[in-house]
Amino acid sequence: MDIMTTPTRTDQLFQTDSYLREFDARVIGVDEDRHGVILDRTALYPGGGGQPADHGTLSLNGSTYAVTGGKRDGDHIVHLLDPATPLPEAGATVSGSVDWDRRYALMRMHTALHILCGVVFRDYQSLVTGGNMEPDHARMDFEMDSADFTPVRVEEIRQHANEEIAAARDIRVVIHPRAEAIQIPDLIRTKINLLPEAIQEIRTIEIVGLDLQADGGTHVANTREIGGIEFTGTRSKGKINKRINIRLVDALTEPPTSA
């Protein structure tokens, strides 16, 4: 992989502004093996934590390159391009665009999962054992005993989650030094701590009045943007591992254009 000497990292614009749809950047590296490019800055989320990578485009001198995915490579982000197109050269300046419909659907879904996680942790002290999302559906697994995972409890969780959505709670994003972040109680809601020791800055997502977690993905600015949660199924994955499948309903007609 050919990487220019500077800068030493990709500036992750999506970490502070999930609503940024377009950006300009410089190609600082070319990864021929993965048919991708590294940019000095990007608004395209590369995927992680159960959230898929953004799709979008890069434009250069009248040519458009489809971004089909992303990979983290240390402090750099490799944007994977359509293999049928040539790669831009290192040093080129490109204009990037996010596939907004897909991104906004994932933002709504991701925040909905945090609400679900927050409600289950608040009411039943259950940790997350797994999860995954797509723009139109998602699932989350919890550490919960079979005796407690009753239809009545599942309906309580659904009702309480929708109450939190309707409460129009703001979502706040803060990036903390690691030493400060690890002092926050219950910051990690997963059964396994997924924060490597090498990470020196920890980004938190707070649903004000409900939930505060370490998280690297994109989110809406207020819970009202989610609309509502519908449970599409439940499943026992073991004695103390229970799954809830969801989809969203009642989306906003016009999402906000800035956070």
Protein backbone atom coordinates (compact mmCIF):
# COMPACT_ATOMS: atom_id res chain seq x y z
CA MET A 1 0.00 0.00 0.00
CA ASP A 2 1.37 3.37 -1.07
CA ILE A 3 0.83 6.05 1.62
CA MET A 4 2.20 9.59 1.49
CA THR A 5 4.18 10.75 4.51
CA THR A 6 1.57 13.23 5.81
CA PRO A 7 -0.89 13.44 7.43
CA THR A 8 -0.53 10.49 9.81
CA ARG A 9 -4.27 9.88 10.21
CA THR A 10 -7.63 10.29 8.49
CA ASP A 11 -9.70 13.09 10.02
CA GLN A 12 -13.01 11.39 10.79
CA LEU A 13 -15.54 14.16 10.14
CA PHE A 14 -18.50 11.88 10.86
CA GLN A 15 -17.47 11.63 14.51
CA THR A 16 -18.53 15.20 15.21
CA ASP A 17 -21.15 15.78 12.49
CA SER A 18 -23.27 12.82 11.41
CA TYR A 19 -25.29 15.12 9.12
CA LEU A 20 -22.37 16.13 6.90
CA ARG A 21 -23.19 14.85 3.42
CA GLU A 22 -20.44 16.35 1.24
CA PHE A 23 -16.74 17.07 1.78
CA ASP A 24 -13.47 17.76 -0.02
CA ALA A 25 -10.37 15.70 0.67
CA ARG A 26 -6.93 14.76 -0.59
CA VAL A 27 -5.88 11.24 -1.54
CA ILE A 28 -2.95 10.38 0.73
CA GLY A 29 -2.68 6.69 -0.09
CA VAL A 30 -3.63 4.05 -2.62
CA ASP A 31 -4.38 0.44 -1.65
CA GLU A 32 -4.24 -1.58 -4.86
CA ASP A 33 -4.80 -4.92 -3.11
CA ARG A 34 -8.18 -3.80 -1.75
CA HIS A 35 -8.85 -1.40 -4.64
CA GLY A 36 -9.26 1.57 -2.38
CA VAL A 37 -7.92 4.98 -1.44
CA ILE A 38 -7.00 6.65 1.83
CA LEU A 39 -8.13 10.24 2.33
CA ASP A 40 -6.81 12.90 4.68
CA ARG A 41 -10.41 13.55 5.82
CA THR A 42 -13.75 11.88 5.28
CA ALA A 43 -17.45 12.00 6.15
CA LEU A 44 -17.91 8.37 5.04
CA TYR A 45 -18.23 5.97 7.98
CA PRO A 46 -16.08 2.86 7.36
CA GLY A 47 -18.23 0.48 9.40
CA GLY A 48 -17.77 -1.02 12.84
CA GLY A 49 -19.64 -1.89 16.02
CA GLY A 50 -22.38 -3.61 14.06
CA GLN A 51 -23.03 -0.60 11.80
CA PRO A 52 -22.31 -1.20 8.08
CA ALA A 53 -20.01 1.08 6.11
CA ASP A 54 -21.43 4.04 4.25
CA HIS A 55 -21.86 4.04 0.50
CA GLY A 56 -21.21 7.15 -1.55
CA THR A 57 -19.09 8.65 -4.31
CA LEU A 58 -15.78 10.40 -4.89
CA SER A 59 -15.54 12.84 -7.81
CA LEU A 60 -12.39 13.99 -9.60
CA ASN A 61 -11.99 15.91 -12.88
CA GLY A 62 -15.42 14.93 -14.16
CA SER A 63 -15.06 11.26 -13.17
CA THR A 64 -17.15 9.66 -10.42
CA TYR A 65 -15.97 6.70 -8.33
CA ALA A 66 -18.52 4.63 -6.39
CA VAL A 67 -17.55 3.98 -2.76
CA THR A 68 -18.80 0.50 -1.90
CA GLY A 69 -17.39 0.11 1.62
CA GLY A 70 -14.62 0.98 4.00
CA LYS A 71 -11.92 -0.52 6.20
CA ARG A 72 -9.91 0.84 9.09
CA ASP A 73 -6.14 0.46 8.79
CA GLY A 74 -4.65 1.83 12.00
CA ASP A 75 -5.35 5.58 12.02
CA HIS A 76 -6.25 5.57 8.33
CA ILE A 77 -9.54 4.77 6.62
CA VAL A 78 -9.45 2.92 3.30
CA HIS A 79 -12.43 3.69 1.06
CA LEU A 80 -13.17 0.70 -1.16
CA LEU A 81 -14.05 1.63 -4.74
CA ASP A 82 -15.89 -0.15 -7.52
CA PRO A 83 -13.28 -2.58 -8.91
CA ALA A 84 -14.43 -1.78 -12.46
CA THR A 85 -13.02 1.76 -12.17
CA PRO A 86 -9.38 2.92 -11.99
CA LEU A 87 -7.96 4.28 -8.76
CA PRO A 88 -7.31 8.02 -8.28
CA GLU A 89 -3.64 8.85 -7.80
CA ALA A 90 -2.10 9.86 -4.47
CA GLY A 91 -2.09 13.64 -4.10
CA ALA A 92 -5.35 14.15 -6.03
CA THR A 93 -8.10 16.31 -4.54
CA VAL A 94 -11.54 14.71 -4.59
CA SER A 95 -15.07 15.73 -3.66
CA GLY A 96 -16.90 13.16 -1.55
CA SER A 97 -20.63 12.57 -1.17
CA VAL A 98 -22.50 10.31 1.24
CA ASP A 99 -25.45 8.17 0.12
CA TRP A 100 -27.72 10.10 2.45
CA ASP A 101 -30.83 7.92 2.34
CA ARG A 102 -28.79 4.90 3.43
CA ARG A 103 -26.80 6.87 6.02
CA TYR A 104 -29.86 8.48 7.61
CA ALA A 105 -31.66 5.12 7.81
CA LEU A 106 -28.63 3.68 9.61
CA MET A 107 -28.43 6.70 11.94
CA ARG A 108 -32.06 6.22 12.95
CA MET A 109 -31.58 2.49 13.40
CA HIS A 110 -28.37 2.88 15.42
CA THR A 111 -29.94 5.34 17.85
CA ALA A 112 -32.99 3.06 18.15
CA LEU A 113 -30.69 0.22 19.23
CA HIS A 114 -29.12 2.48 21.86
CA ILE A 115 -32.60 3.25 23.18
CA LEU A 116 -33.40 -0.46 23.30
CA CYS A 117 -30.11 -1.14 25.07
CA GLY A 118 -30.66 1.75 27.48
CA VAL A 119 -34.17 0.63 28.43
CA VAL A 120 -33.14 -3.00 28.98
CA PHE A 121 -30.12 -1.98 31.07
CA ARG A 122 -32.10 0.56 33.12
CA ASP A 123 -35.05 -1.71 33.80
CA TYR A 124 -33.42 -5.15 33.98
CA GLN A 125 -29.63 -4.55 34.25
CA SER A 126 -29.05 -6.82 31.25
CA LEU A 127 -25.90 -6.42 29.14
CA VAL A 128 -25.66 -6.66 25.36
CA THR A 129 -24.14 -9.87 24.01
CA GLY A 130 -24.37 -9.04 20.30
CA GLY A 131 -26.06 -6.96 17.66
CA ASN A 132 -26.19 -6.06 14.02
CA MET A 133 -28.04 -3.56 11.83
CA GLU A 134 -29.04 -2.84 8.26
CA PRO A 135 -30.91 0.22 7.01
CA ASP A 136 -34.29 -1.51 7.26
CA HIS A 137 -33.89 -3.98 10.14
CA ALA A 138 -31.68 -4.84 13.12
CA ARG A 139 -31.28 -7.24 15.98
CA MET A 140 -29.84 -7.04 19.48
CA ASP A 141 -28.96 -9.88 21.87
CA PHE A 142 -29.13 -9.55 25.65
CA GLU A 143 -27.90 -11.49 28.65
CA MET A 144 -31.30 -12.48 30.04
CA ASP A 145 -32.55 -15.68 31.67
CA SER A 146 -35.22 -17.67 29.85
CA ALA A 147 -37.56 -17.36 32.83
CA ASP A 148 -37.44 -13.57 32.54
CA PHE A 149 -37.78 -13.38 28.76
CA THR A 150 -41.56 -13.64 28.69
CA PRO A 151 -44.04 -12.14 26.19
CA VAL A 152 -45.12 -9.71 28.92
CA ARG A 153 -41.58 -8.50 29.46
CA VAL A 154 -40.92 -8.21 25.74
CA GLU A 155 -44.01 -6.03 25.36
CA GLU A 156 -42.90 -3.90 28.32
CA ILE A 157 -39.53 -3.34 26.63
CA ARG A 158 -41.21 -2.32 23.36
CA GLN A 159 -43.57 0.08 25.10
CA HIS A 160 -40.83 1.68 27.19
CA ALA A 161 -38.55 2.05 24.16
CA ASN A 162 -41.27 3.86 22.24
CA GLU A 163 -41.96 6.09 25.23
CA GLU A 164 -38.30 7.13 25.20
CA ILE A 165 -38.47 7.87 21.48
CA ALA A 166 -41.58 10.00 21.97
CA ALA A 167 -39.85 11.91 24.79
CA ALA A 168 -37.79 13.72 22.11
CA ARG A 169 -34.51 13.29 23.95
CA ASP A 170 -31.43 15.05 22.58
CA ILE A 171 -28.34 13.04 21.64
CA ARG A 172 -24.95 14.45 22.64
CA VAL A 173 -21.55 13.44 21.27
CA VAL A 174 -18.38 13.97 23.33
CA ILE A 175 -14.82 12.75 22.74
CA HIS A 176 -12.98 12.10 26.03
CA PRO A 177 -9.37 11.28 26.90
CA ARG A 178 -9.29 7.57 27.77
CA ALA A 179 -8.32 8.18 31.41
CA GLU A 180 -11.37 10.39 31.83
CA ALA A 181 -13.79 8.16 29.95
CA ILE A 182 -13.03 4.98 31.87
CA GLN A 183 -14.15 6.72 35.07
CA ILE A 184 -17.71 6.99 33.72
CA PRO A 185 -19.89 4.29 35.39
CA ASP A 186 -21.41 1.63 33.11
CA LEU A 187 -19.88 3.16 29.98
CA ILE A 188 -19.45 -0.26 28.36
CA ARG A 189 -22.79 -2.02 27.89
CA THR A 190 -21.51 -5.06 26.06
CA LYS A 191 -20.72 -8.31 27.85
CA ILE A 192 -17.18 -8.11 26.41
CA ASN A 193 -15.22 -4.85 26.56
CA LEU A 194 -14.52 -4.01 22.91
CA LEU A 195 -12.23 -1.01 23.53
CA PRO A 196 -8.59 -1.91 22.82
CA GLU A 197 -6.00 -0.51 25.21
CA ALA A 198 -4.36 1.37 22.34
CA ILE A 199 -7.37 3.70 21.95
CA GLN A 200 -6.48 6.91 23.78
CA GLU A 201 -9.63 8.90 22.95
CA ILE A 202 -13.09 7.49 23.60
CA ARG A 203 -16.20 8.90 21.95
CA THR A 204 -19.44 8.73 23.90
CA ILE A 205 -23.05 8.95 22.76
CA GLU A 206 -25.51 10.24 25.36
CA ILE A 207 -29.26 9.99 24.99
CA VAL A 208 -29.95 12.70 27.55
CA GLY A 209 -31.85 11.33 30.50
CA LEU A 210 -31.62 7.69 29.42
CA ASP A 211 -28.29 6.31 28.26
CA LEU A 212 -24.55 7.00 27.96
CA GLN A 213 -22.25 4.63 26.08
CA ALA A 214 -18.92 4.45 24.31
CA ASP A 215 -19.65 4.31 20.59
CA GLY A 216 -18.01 5.16 17.26
CA GLY A 217 -20.99 5.19 14.89
CA THR A 218 -23.38 7.78 13.51
CA HIS A 219 -26.59 8.88 15.24
CA VAL A 220 -29.53 11.23 14.91
CA ALA A 221 -29.66 14.43 16.95
CA ASN A 222 -32.98 13.75 18.70
CA THR A 223 -34.93 10.58 19.42
CA ARG A 224 -38.04 11.98 17.69
CA GLU A 225 -36.27 11.38 14.35
CA ILE A 226 -36.56 7.62 14.86
CA GLY A 227 -40.34 7.50 14.60
CA GLY A 228 -41.06 4.25 16.42
CA ILE A 229 -39.81 0.72 17.05
CA GLU A 230 -41.67 -2.42 16.05
CA PHE A 231 -40.51 -5.84 17.23
CA THR A 232 -40.54 -8.32 14.36
CA GLY A 233 -39.52 -11.38 16.35
CA THR A 234 -37.71 -12.80 19.35
CA ARG A 235 -35.49 -15.81 19.77
CA SER A 236 -33.68 -17.68 22.50
CA LYS A 237 -30.01 -18.09 21.59
CA GLY A 238 -29.23 -20.02 24.77
CA LYS A 239 -30.13 -20.18 28.43
CA ILE A 240 -29.08 -16.58 29.10
CA ASN A 241 -28.83 -15.15 25.57
CA LYS A 242 -32.02 -13.66 24.10
CA ARG A 243 -32.53 -11.89 20.75
CA ILE A 244 -34.95 -9.12 19.75
CA ASN A 245 -35.42 -8.24 16.08
CA ILE A 246 -36.70 -4.77 15.20
CA ARG A 247 -37.65 -2.46 12.39
CA LEU A 248 -38.58 1.22 12.46
CA VAL A 249 -41.94 2.81 11.69
CA ASP A 250 -43.27 6.35 11.27
CA ALA A 251 -40.14 8.02 9.88
CA LEU A 252 -39.97 11.81 9.66
CA THR A 253 -40.96 13.16 6.27
CA GLU A 254 -38.14 15.71 6.20
CA PRO A 255 -35.02 14.91 8.28
CA PRO A 256 -32.91 17.81 9.50
CA THR A 257 -29.99 18.93 7.30
CA SER A 258 -27.59 19.73 10.14
CA ALA A 259 -27.05 18.65 13.72
